[in-house]
Amino acid sequence: MGKERIETGKAPQIFVGACDGDLVIRGGSEPALLVRGEYMAEEKAGGVHLSGRGDLRLIVPSGTVVNVEEVSGKLIVRGVAGAFEIGRVYGDAV
């Protein structure tokens, strides 16, 4: 299980294409994305694109725009102060 800090600055855009497990997203106070789990990340001009091969835990800066396409497990979101778009969640969403 990897853990990484990706410097993003304030109010970045985060795209989660697919998460094969549970996805937990929490708001944080640092200008960086903190990621824990087995994942692939790609930084593009439009933001950070992630996909997970199991459970993912993200801590995102305040004002982050989050776009989640698909979660195979549960989706838990707490304290995120920014725009949020959700596609499909096959488990519970909180």
PDB file of N, CA and C in Angstrom:
ATOM      1  N   MET A   1       0.839  -1.168   0.000  1.00  0.00           N
ATOM      2  CA  MET A   1       0.000   0.000   0.000  1.00  0.00           C
ATOM      3  C   MET A   1       0.884   1.232   0.000  1.00  0.00           C
ATOM      4  N   GLY A   2       0.773   2.035  -1.036  1.00  0.00           N
ATOM      5  CA  GLY A   2       1.605   3.216  -1.149  1.00  0.00           C
ATOM      6  C   GLY A   2       0.984   4.424  -0.494  1.00  0.00           C
ATOM      7  N   LYS A   3       1.827   5.369  -0.159  1.00  0.00           N
ATOM      8  CA  LYS A   3       1.363   6.644   0.395  1.00  0.00           C
ATOM      9  C   LYS A   3       2.198   7.720  -0.259  1.00  0.00           C
ATOM     10  N   GLU A   4       1.525   8.741  -0.752  1.00  0.00           N
ATOM     11  CA  GLU A   4       2.254   9.762  -1.484  1.00  0.00           C
ATOM     12  C   GLU A   4       1.638  11.131  -1.242  1.00  0.00           C
ATOM     13  N   ARG A   5       2.472  12.133  -1.304  1.00  0.00           N
ATOM     14  CA  ARG A   5       2.047  13.523  -1.231  1.00  0.00           C
ATOM     15  C   ARG A   5       2.301  14.128  -2.609  1.00  0.00           C
ATOM     16  N   ILE A   6       1.262  14.672  -3.200  1.00  0.00           N
ATOM     17  CA  ILE A   6       1.370  15.305  -4.510  1.00  0.00           C
ATOM     18  C   ILE A   6       1.064  16.789  -4.319  1.00  0.00           C
ATOM     19  N   GLU A   7       2.058  17.638  -4.564  1.00  0.00           N
ATOM     20  CA  GLU A   7       1.867  19.081  -4.416  1.00  0.00           C
ATOM     21  C   GLU A   7       0.891  19.570  -5.482  1.00  0.00           C
ATOM     22  N   THR A   8      -0.162  20.269  -5.055  1.00  0.00           N
ATOM     23  CA  THR A   8      -1.197  20.702  -5.985  1.00  0.00           C
ATOM     24  C   THR A   8      -1.455  22.196  -5.953  1.00  0.00           C
ATOM     25  N   GLY A   9      -1.079  22.860  -4.885  1.00  0.00           N
ATOM     26  CA  GLY A   9      -1.470  24.248  -4.714  1.00  0.00           C
ATOM     27  C   GLY A   9      -2.900  24.307  -4.209  1.00  0.00           C
ATOM     28  N   LYS A  10      -3.474  25.503  -4.179  1.00  0.00           N
ATOM     29  CA  LYS A  10      -4.832  25.667  -3.682  1.00  0.00           C
ATOM     30  C   LYS A  10      -5.854  25.331  -4.761  1.00  0.00           C
ATOM     31  N   ALA A  11      -6.975  24.751  -4.350  1.00  0.00           N
ATOM     32  CA  ALA A  11      -8.137  24.451  -5.203  1.00  0.00           C
ATOM     33  C   ALA A  11      -7.788  23.706  -6.491  1.00  0.00           C
ATOM     34  N   PRO A  12      -7.156  22.544  -6.397  1.00  0.00           N
ATOM     35  CA  PRO A  12      -6.849  21.767  -7.604  1.00  0.00           C
ATOM     36  C   PRO A  12      -8.065  20.998  -8.104  1.00  0.00           C
ATOM     37  N   GLN A  13      -7.893  20.331  -9.236  1.00  0.00           N
ATOM     38  CA  GLN A  13      -8.911  19.424  -9.757  1.00  0.00           C
ATOM     39  C   GLN A  13      -8.379  18.005  -9.618  1.00  0.00           C
ATOM     40  N   ILE A  14      -9.215  17.121  -9.051  1.00  0.00           N
ATOM     41  CA  ILE A  14      -8.861  15.722  -8.850  1.00  0.00           C
ATOM     42  C   ILE A  14      -9.883  14.874  -9.596  1.00  0.00           C
ATOM     43  N   PHE A  15      -9.420  13.998 -10.465  1.00  0.00           N
ATOM     44  CA  PHE A  15     -10.274  13.092 -11.230  1.00  0.00           C
ATOM     45  C   PHE A  15      -9.968  11.658 -10.804  1.00  0.00           C
ATOM     46  N   VAL A  16     -10.979  10.937 -10.325  1.00  0.00           N
ATOM     47  CA  VAL A  16     -10.816   9.519 -10.001  1.00  0.00           C
ATOM     48  C   VAL A  16     -11.587   8.758 -11.064  1.00  0.00           C
ATOM     49  N   GLY A  17     -10.858   8.101 -11.974  1.00  0.00           N
ATOM     50  CA  GLY A  17     -11.492   7.370 -13.065  1.00  0.00           C
ATOM     51  C   GLY A  17     -12.224   6.147 -12.576  1.00  0.00           C
ATOM     52  N   ALA A  18     -11.550   5.311 -11.806  1.00  0.00           N
ATOM     53  CA  ALA A  18     -12.148   4.098 -11.259  1.00  0.00           C
ATOM     54  C   ALA A  18     -11.418   3.716  -9.989  1.00  0.00           C
ATOM     55  N   CYS A  19     -12.194   3.265  -9.024  1.00  0.00           N
ATOM     56  CA  CYS A  19     -11.631   2.750  -7.778  1.00  0.00           C
ATOM     57  C   CYS A  19     -12.235   1.367  -7.583  1.00  0.00           C
ATOM     58  N   ASP A  20     -11.405   0.334  -7.551  1.00  0.00           N
ATOM     59  CA  ASP A  20     -11.878  -1.042  -7.463  1.00  0.00           C
ATOM     60  C   ASP A  20     -12.295  -1.455  -6.055  1.00  0.00           C
ATOM     61  N   GLY A  21     -12.103  -0.591  -5.070  1.00  0.00           N
ATOM     62  CA  GLY A  21     -12.486  -0.879  -3.686  1.00  0.00           C
ATOM     63  C   GLY A  21     -13.280   0.275  -3.121  1.00  0.00           C
ATOM     64  N   ASP A  22     -13.094   0.534  -1.820  1.00  0.00           N
ATOM     65  CA  ASP A  22     -13.734   1.668  -1.163  1.00  0.00           C
ATOM     66  C   ASP A  22     -12.918   2.931  -1.418  1.00  0.00           C
ATOM     67  N   LEU A  23     -13.610   4.062  -1.476  1.00  0.00           N
ATOM     68  CA  LEU A  23     -12.949   5.352  -1.671  1.00  0.00           C
ATOM     69  C   LEU A  23     -13.364   6.290  -0.545  1.00  0.00           C
ATOM     70  N   VAL A  24     -12.376   6.787   0.190  1.00  0.00           N
ATOM     71  CA  VAL A  24     -12.622   7.750   1.269  1.00  0.00           C
ATOM     72  C   VAL A  24     -11.915   9.045   0.885  1.00  0.00           C
ATOM     73  N   ILE A  25     -12.666  10.147   0.872  1.00  0.00           N
ATOM     74  CA  ILE A  25     -12.112  11.458   0.537  1.00  0.00           C
ATOM     75  C   ILE A  25     -12.406  12.404   1.689  1.00  0.00           C
ATOM     76  N   ARG A  26     -11.356  13.002   2.231  1.00  0.00           N
ATOM     77  CA  ARG A  26     -11.491  13.965   3.327  1.00  0.00           C
ATOM     78  C   ARG A  26     -10.852  15.284   2.938  1.00  0.00           C
ATOM     79  N   GLY A  27     -11.413  16.363   3.467  1.00  0.00           N
ATOM     80  CA  GLY A  27     -10.824  17.673   3.258  1.00  0.00           C
ATOM     81  C   GLY A  27      -9.644  17.874   4.196  1.00  0.00           C
ATOM     82  N   GLY A  28      -8.647  18.593   3.733  1.00  0.00           N
ATOM     83  CA  GLY A  28      -7.461  18.870   4.532  1.00  0.00           C
ATOM     84  C   GLY A  28      -7.087  20.339   4.448  1.00  0.00           C
ATOM     85  N   SER A  29      -6.074  20.712   5.202  1.00  0.00           N
ATOM     86  CA  SER A  29      -5.680  22.115   5.245  1.00  0.00           C
ATOM     87  C   SER A  29      -4.402  22.413   4.458  1.00  0.00           C
ATOM     88  N   GLU A  30      -3.703  21.385   4.020  1.00  0.00           N
ATOM     89  CA  GLU A  30      -2.451  21.595   3.288  1.00  0.00           C
ATOM     90  C   GLU A  30      -2.707  21.742   1.795  1.00  0.00           C
ATOM     91  N   PRO A  31      -1.860  22.477   1.061  1.00  0.00           N
ATOM     92  CA  PRO A  31      -2.034  22.635  -0.392  1.00  0.00           C
ATOM     93  C   PRO A  31      -1.433  21.459  -1.159  1.00  0.00           C
ATOM     94  N   ALA A  32      -1.810  20.251  -0.745  1.00  0.00           N
ATOM     95  CA  ALA A  32      -1.299  19.038  -1.383  1.00  0.00           C
ATOM     96  C   ALA A  32      -2.348  17.942  -1.293  1.00  0.00           C
ATOM     97  N   LEU A  33      -2.283  17.013  -2.229  1.00  0.00           N
ATOM     98  CA  LEU A  33      -3.125  15.829  -2.236  1.00  0.00           C
ATOM     99  C   LEU A  33      -2.346  14.713  -1.558  1.00  0.00           C
ATOM    100  N   LEU A  34      -2.939  14.100  -0.543  1.00  0.00           N
ATOM    101  CA  LEU A  34      -2.328  12.953   0.110  1.00  0.00           C
ATOM    102  C   LEU A  34      -3.098  11.718  -0.320  1.00  0.00           C
ATOM    103  N   VAL A  35      -2.388  10.706  -0.815  1.00  0.00           N
ATOM    104  CA  VAL A  35      -3.016   9.501  -1.342  1.00  0.00           C
ATOM    105  C   VAL A  35      -2.450   8.291  -0.624  1.00  0.00           C
ATOM    106  N   ARG A  36      -3.348   7.392  -0.215  1.00  0.00           N
ATOM    107  CA  ARG A  36      -2.923   6.137   0.393  1.00  0.00           C
ATOM    108  C   ARG A  36      -3.686   5.006  -0.305  1.00  0.00           C
ATOM    109  N   GLY A  37      -2.977   3.971  -0.695  1.00  0.00           N
ATOM    110  CA  GLY A  37      -3.573   2.829  -1.367  1.00  0.00           C
ATOM    111  C   GLY A  37      -2.738   2.434  -2.566  1.00  0.00           C
ATOM    112  N   GLU A  38      -3.210   1.458  -3.295  1.00  0.00           N
ATOM    113  CA  GLU A  38      -2.537   1.014  -4.519  1.00  0.00           C
ATOM    114  C   GLU A  38      -3.213   1.729  -5.685  1.00  0.00           C
ATOM    115  N   TYR A  39      -2.485   2.590  -6.351  1.00  0.00           N
ATOM    116  CA  TYR A  39      -3.093   3.451  -7.354  1.00  0.00           C
ATOM    117  C   TYR A  39      -2.085   3.842  -8.426  1.00  0.00           C
ATOM    118  N   MET A  40      -2.632   4.436  -9.485  1.00  0.00           N
ATOM    119  CA  MET A  40      -1.825   5.052 -10.524  1.00  0.00           C
ATOM    120  C   MET A  40      -2.246   6.512 -10.579  1.00  0.00           C
ATOM    121  N   ALA A  41      -1.285   7.409 -10.683  1.00  0.00           N
ATOM    122  CA  ALA A  41      -1.579   8.844 -10.747  1.00  0.00           C
ATOM    123  C   ALA A  41      -0.865   9.460 -11.935  1.00  0.00           C
ATOM    124  N   GLU A  42      -1.539  10.399 -12.556  1.00  0.00           N
ATOM    125  CA  GLU A  42      -0.948  11.118 -13.675  1.00  0.00           C
ATOM    126  C   GLU A  42      -1.316  12.593 -13.514  1.00  0.00           C
ATOM    127  N   GLU A  43      -0.312  13.442 -13.516  1.00  0.00           N
ATOM    128  CA  GLU A  43      -0.554  14.877 -13.415  1.00  0.00           C
ATOM    129  C   GLU A  43      -0.654  15.446 -14.822  1.00  0.00           C
ATOM    130  N   LYS A  44      -1.770  16.110 -15.082  1.00  0.00           N
ATOM    131  CA  LYS A  44      -2.013  16.742 -16.379  1.00  0.00           C
ATOM    132  C   LYS A  44      -2.312  18.207 -16.137  1.00  0.00           C
ATOM    133  N   ALA A  45      -2.382  18.972 -17.213  1.00  0.00           N
ATOM    134  CA  ALA A  45      -2.662  20.406 -17.090  1.00  0.00           C
ATOM    135  C   ALA A  45      -4.000  20.657 -16.400  1.00  0.00           C
ATOM    136  N   GLY A  46      -4.970  19.761 -16.585  1.00  0.00           N
ATOM    137  CA  GLY A  46      -6.294  19.928 -15.986  1.00  0.00           C
ATOM    138  C   GLY A  46      -6.384  19.465 -14.552  1.00  0.00           C
ATOM    139  N   GLY A  47      -5.359  18.838 -14.022  1.00  0.00           N
ATOM    140  CA  GLY A  47      -5.394  18.356 -12.638  1.00  0.00           C
ATOM    141  C   GLY A  47      -4.709  17.008 -12.489  1.00  0.00           C
ATOM    142  N   VAL A  48      -5.050  16.306 -11.409  1.00  0.00           N
ATOM    143  CA  VAL A  48      -4.464  15.003 -11.109  1.00  0.00           C
ATOM    144  C   VAL A  48      -5.496  13.925 -11.409  1.00  0.00           C
ATOM    145  N   HIS A  49      -5.103  12.925 -12.208  1.00  0.00           N
ATOM    146  CA  HIS A  49      -5.970  11.817 -12.579  1.00  0.00           C
ATOM    147  C   HIS A  49      -5.502  10.567 -11.837  1.00  0.00           C
ATOM    148  N   LEU A  50      -6.441   9.920 -11.123  1.00  0.00           N
ATOM    149  CA  LEU A  50      -6.124   8.740 -10.326  1.00  0.00           C
ATOM    150  C   LEU A  50      -6.999   7.565 -10.714  1.00  0.00           C
ATOM    151  N   SER A  51      -6.471   6.367 -10.523  1.00  0.00           N
ATOM    152  CA  SER A  51      -7.271   5.145 -10.572  1.00  0.00           C
ATOM    153  C   SER A  51      -6.709   4.219  -9.501  1.00  0.00           C
ATOM    154  N   GLY A  52      -7.611   3.508  -8.808  1.00  0.00           N
ATOM    155  CA  GLY A  52      -7.183   2.666  -7.694  1.00  0.00           C
ATOM    156  C   GLY A  52      -7.434   1.195  -7.960  1.00  0.00           C
ATOM    157  N   ARG A  53      -6.532   0.365  -7.451  1.00  0.00           N
ATOM    158  CA  ARG A  53      -6.649  -1.093  -7.598  1.00  0.00           C
ATOM    159  C   ARG A  53      -7.031  -1.728  -6.263  1.00  0.00           C
ATOM    160  N   GLY A  54      -7.877  -1.078  -5.537  1.00  0.00           N
ATOM    161  CA  GLY A  54      -8.283  -1.502  -4.207  1.00  0.00           C
ATOM    162  C   GLY A  54      -8.804  -0.274  -3.491  1.00  0.00           C
ATOM    163  N   ASP A  55      -8.730  -0.287  -2.172  1.00  0.00           N
ATOM    164  CA  ASP A  55      -9.197   0.859  -1.397  1.00  0.00           C
ATOM    165  C   ASP A  55      -8.270   2.057  -1.584  1.00  0.00           C
ATOM    166  N   LEU A  56      -8.867   3.234  -1.668  1.00  0.00           N
ATOM    167  CA  LEU A  56      -8.108   4.485  -1.778  1.00  0.00           C
ATOM    168  C   LEU A  56      -8.562   5.443  -0.692  1.00  0.00           C
ATOM    169  N   ARG A  57      -7.615   6.174  -0.124  1.00  0.00           N
ATOM    170  CA  ARG A  57      -7.904   7.220   0.849  1.00  0.00           C
ATOM    171  C   ARG A  57      -7.209   8.489   0.368  1.00  0.00           C
ATOM    172  N   LEU A  58      -8.003   9.545   0.207  1.00  0.00           N
ATOM    173  CA  LEU A  58      -7.485  10.815  -0.280  1.00  0.00           C
ATOM    174  C   LEU A  58      -7.756  11.911   0.743  1.00  0.00           C
ATOM    175  N   ILE A  59      -6.772  12.771   0.953  1.00  0.00           N
ATOM    176  CA  ILE A  59      -6.969  13.999   1.704  1.00  0.00           C
ATOM    177  C   ILE A  59      -6.681  15.123   0.718  1.00  0.00           C
ATOM    178  N   VAL A  60      -7.698  15.961   0.484  1.00  0.00           N
ATOM    179  CA  VAL A  60      -7.614  16.976  -0.560  1.00  0.00           C
ATOM    180  C   VAL A  60      -7.627  18.380   0.044  1.00  0.00           C
ATOM    181  N   PRO A  61      -6.980  19.360  -0.613  1.00  0.00           N
ATOM    182  CA  PRO A  61      -6.989  20.739  -0.119  1.00  0.00           C
ATOM    183  C   PRO A  61      -8.392  21.347  -0.162  1.00  0.00           C
ATOM    184  N   SER A  62      -8.603  22.368   0.632  1.00  0.00           N
ATOM    185  CA  SER A  62      -9.869  23.101   0.628  1.00  0.00           C
ATOM    186  C   SER A  62     -10.102  23.698  -0.759  1.00  0.00           C
ATOM    187  N   GLY A  63     -11.337  23.628  -1.225  1.00  0.00           N
ATOM    188  CA  GLY A  63     -11.680  24.193  -2.522  1.00  0.00           C
ATOM    189  C   GLY A  63     -11.410  23.277  -3.702  1.00  0.00           C
ATOM    190  N   THR A  64     -11.000  22.040  -3.439  1.00  0.00           N
ATOM    191  CA  THR A  64     -10.710  21.090  -4.510  1.00  0.00           C
ATOM    192  C   THR A  64     -11.970  20.742  -5.296  1.00  0.00           C
ATOM    193  N   VAL A  65     -11.844  20.669  -6.600  1.00  0.00           N
ATOM    194  CA  VAL A  65     -12.915  20.185  -7.466  1.00  0.00           C
ATOM    195  C   VAL A  65     -12.652  18.690  -7.666  1.00  0.00           C
ATOM    196  N   VAL A  66     -13.616  17.853  -7.246  1.00  0.00           N
ATOM    197  CA  VAL A  66     -13.445  16.400  -7.307  1.00  0.00           C
ATOM    198  C   VAL A  66     -14.451  15.816  -8.288  1.00  0.00           C
ATOM    199  N   ASN A  67     -13.963  14.973  -9.192  1.00  0.00           N
ATOM    200  CA  ASN A  67     -14.819  14.263 -10.137  1.00  0.00           C
ATOM    201  C   ASN A  67     -14.527  12.778  -9.984  1.00  0.00           C
ATOM    202  N   VAL A  68     -15.535  12.007  -9.560  1.00  0.00           N
ATOM    203  CA  VAL A  68     -15.395  10.568  -9.370  1.00  0.00           C
ATOM    204  C   VAL A  68     -16.263   9.873 -10.408  1.00  0.00           C
ATOM    205  N   GLU A  69     -15.644   9.065 -11.269  1.00  0.00           N
ATOM    206  CA  GLU A  69     -16.411   8.370 -12.302  1.00  0.00           C
ATOM    207  C   GLU A  69     -17.057   7.093 -11.786  1.00  0.00           C
ATOM    208  N   GLU A  70     -16.274   6.224 -11.113  1.00  0.00           N
ATOM    209  CA  GLU A  70     -16.822   4.932 -10.693  1.00  0.00           C
ATOM    210  C   GLU A  70     -16.109   4.396  -9.461  1.00  0.00           C
ATOM    211  N   VAL A  71     -16.918   3.919  -8.488  1.00  0.00           N
ATOM    212  CA  VAL A  71     -16.387   3.295  -7.274  1.00  0.00           C
ATOM    213  C   VAL A  71     -17.063   1.933  -7.132  1.00  0.00           C
ATOM    214  N   SER A  72     -16.273   0.867  -7.053  1.00  0.00           N
ATOM    215  CA  SER A  72     -16.829  -0.478  -6.919  1.00  0.00           C
ATOM    216  C   SER A  72     -17.332  -0.752  -5.512  1.00  0.00           C
ATOM    217  N   GLY A  73     -16.763  -0.112  -4.512  1.00  0.00           N
ATOM    218  CA  GLY A  73     -17.158  -0.314  -3.116  1.00  0.00           C
ATOM    219  C   GLY A  73     -17.915   0.881  -2.587  1.00  0.00           C
ATOM    220  N   LYS A  74     -17.634   1.234  -1.325  1.00  0.00           N
ATOM    221  CA  LYS A  74     -18.283   2.371  -0.672  1.00  0.00           C
ATOM    222  C   LYS A  74     -17.564   3.670  -1.015  1.00  0.00           C
ATOM    223  N   LEU A  75     -18.313   4.769  -0.968  1.00  0.00           N
ATOM    224  CA  LEU A  75     -17.759   6.111  -1.119  1.00  0.00           C
ATOM    225  C   LEU A  75     -18.094   6.891   0.137  1.00  0.00           C
ATOM    226  N   ILE A  76     -17.070   7.407   0.809  1.00  0.00           N
ATOM    227  CA  ILE A  76     -17.252   8.225   2.003  1.00  0.00           C
ATOM    228  C   ILE A  76     -16.559   9.560   1.761  1.00  0.00           C
ATOM    229  N   VAL A  77     -17.307  10.651   1.914  1.00  0.00           N
ATOM    230  CA  VAL A  77     -16.760  11.995   1.711  1.00  0.00           C
ATOM    231  C   VAL A  77     -17.029  12.801   2.972  1.00  0.00           C
ATOM    232  N   ARG A  78     -15.967  13.430   3.509  1.00  0.00           N
ATOM    233  CA  ARG A  78     -16.108  14.241   4.722  1.00  0.00           C
ATOM    234  C   ARG A  78     -15.267  15.512   4.593  1.00  0.00           C
ATOM    235  N   GLY A  79     -15.874  16.629   4.903  1.00  0.00           N
ATOM    236  CA  GLY A  79     -15.141  17.884   5.006  1.00  0.00           C
ATOM    237  C   GLY A  79     -14.547  18.419   3.723  1.00  0.00           C
ATOM    238  N   VAL A  80     -15.100  18.064   2.587  1.00  0.00           N
ATOM    239  CA  VAL A  80     -14.595  18.567   1.306  1.00  0.00           C
ATOM    240  C   VAL A  80     -15.338  19.859   0.980  1.00  0.00           C
ATOM    241  N   ALA A  81     -14.598  20.964   0.847  1.00  0.00           N
ATOM    242  CA  ALA A  81     -15.192  22.268   0.565  1.00  0.00           C
ATOM    243  C   ALA A  81     -14.868  22.663  -0.869  1.00  0.00           C
ATOM    244  N   GLY A  82     -15.571  22.068  -1.799  1.00  0.00           N
ATOM    245  CA  GLY A  82     -15.360  22.355  -3.208  1.00  0.00           C
ATOM    246  C   GLY A  82     -16.418  21.631  -4.021  1.00  0.00           C
ATOM    247  N   ALA A  83     -16.419  21.830  -5.318  1.00  0.00           N
ATOM    248  CA  ALA A  83     -17.381  21.174  -6.201  1.00  0.00           C
ATOM    249  C   ALA A  83     -17.111  19.678  -6.250  1.00  0.00           C
ATOM    250  N   PHE A  84     -18.188  18.902  -6.366  1.00  0.00           N
ATOM    251  CA  PHE A  84     -18.075  17.447  -6.335  1.00  0.00           C
ATOM    252  C   PHE A  84     -19.017  16.853  -7.363  1.00  0.00           C
ATOM    253  N   GLU A  85     -18.526  15.939  -8.184  1.00  0.00           N
ATOM    254  CA  GLU A  85     -19.365  15.242  -9.160  1.00  0.00           C
ATOM    255  C   GLU A  85     -19.123  13.753  -9.023  1.00  0.00           C
ATOM    256  N   ILE A  86     -20.215  12.980  -8.945  1.00  0.00           N
ATOM    257  CA  ILE A  86     -20.099  11.536  -8.748  1.00  0.00           C
ATOM    258  C   ILE A  86     -20.824  10.828  -9.880  1.00  0.00           C
ATOM    259  N   GLY A  87     -20.149   9.831 -10.453  1.00  0.00           N
ATOM    260  CA  GLY A  87     -20.756   8.990 -11.489  1.00  0.00           C
ATOM    261  C   GLY A  87     -21.492   7.828 -10.845  1.00  0.00           C
ATOM    262  N   ARG A  88     -20.870   6.639 -10.814  1.00  0.00           N
ATOM    263  CA  ARG A  88     -21.496   5.432 -10.267  1.00  0.00           C
ATOM    264  C   ARG A  88     -20.790   4.982  -9.001  1.00  0.00           C
ATOM    265  N   VAL A  89     -21.599   4.607  -8.006  1.00  0.00           N
ATOM    266  CA  VAL A  89     -21.080   4.015  -6.777  1.00  0.00           C
ATOM    267  C   VAL A  89     -21.888   2.732  -6.560  1.00  0.00           C
ATOM    268  N   TYR A  90     -21.197   1.589  -6.541  1.00  0.00           N
ATOM    269  CA  TYR A  90     -21.875   0.306  -6.413  1.00  0.00           C
ATOM    270  C   TYR A  90     -22.144  -0.081  -4.961  1.00  0.00           C
ATOM    271  N   GLY A  91     -21.448   0.561  -4.021  1.00  0.00           N
ATOM    272  CA  GLY A  91     -21.695   0.340  -2.597  1.00  0.00           C
ATOM    273  C   GLY A  91     -22.476   1.523  -2.040  1.00  0.00           C
ATOM    274  N   ASP A  92     -22.409   1.679  -0.735  1.00  0.00           N
ATOM    275  CA  ASP A  92     -23.063   2.816  -0.076  1.00  0.00           C
ATOM    276  C   ASP A  92     -22.277   4.096  -0.329  1.00  0.00           C
ATOM    277  N   ALA A  93     -23.004   5.219  -0.302  1.00  0.00           N
ATOM    278  CA  ALA A  93     -22.359   6.531  -0.421  1.00  0.00           C
ATOM    279  C   ALA A  93     -22.750   7.365   0.797  1.00  0.00           C
ATOM    280  N   VAL A  94     -21.739   7.893   1.487  1.00  0.00           N
ATOM    281  CA  VAL A  94     -21.971   8.711   2.688  1.00  0.00           C
ATOM    282  C   VAL A  94     -21.288  10.041   2.481  1.00  0.00           C
TER     283      VAL A  94
END
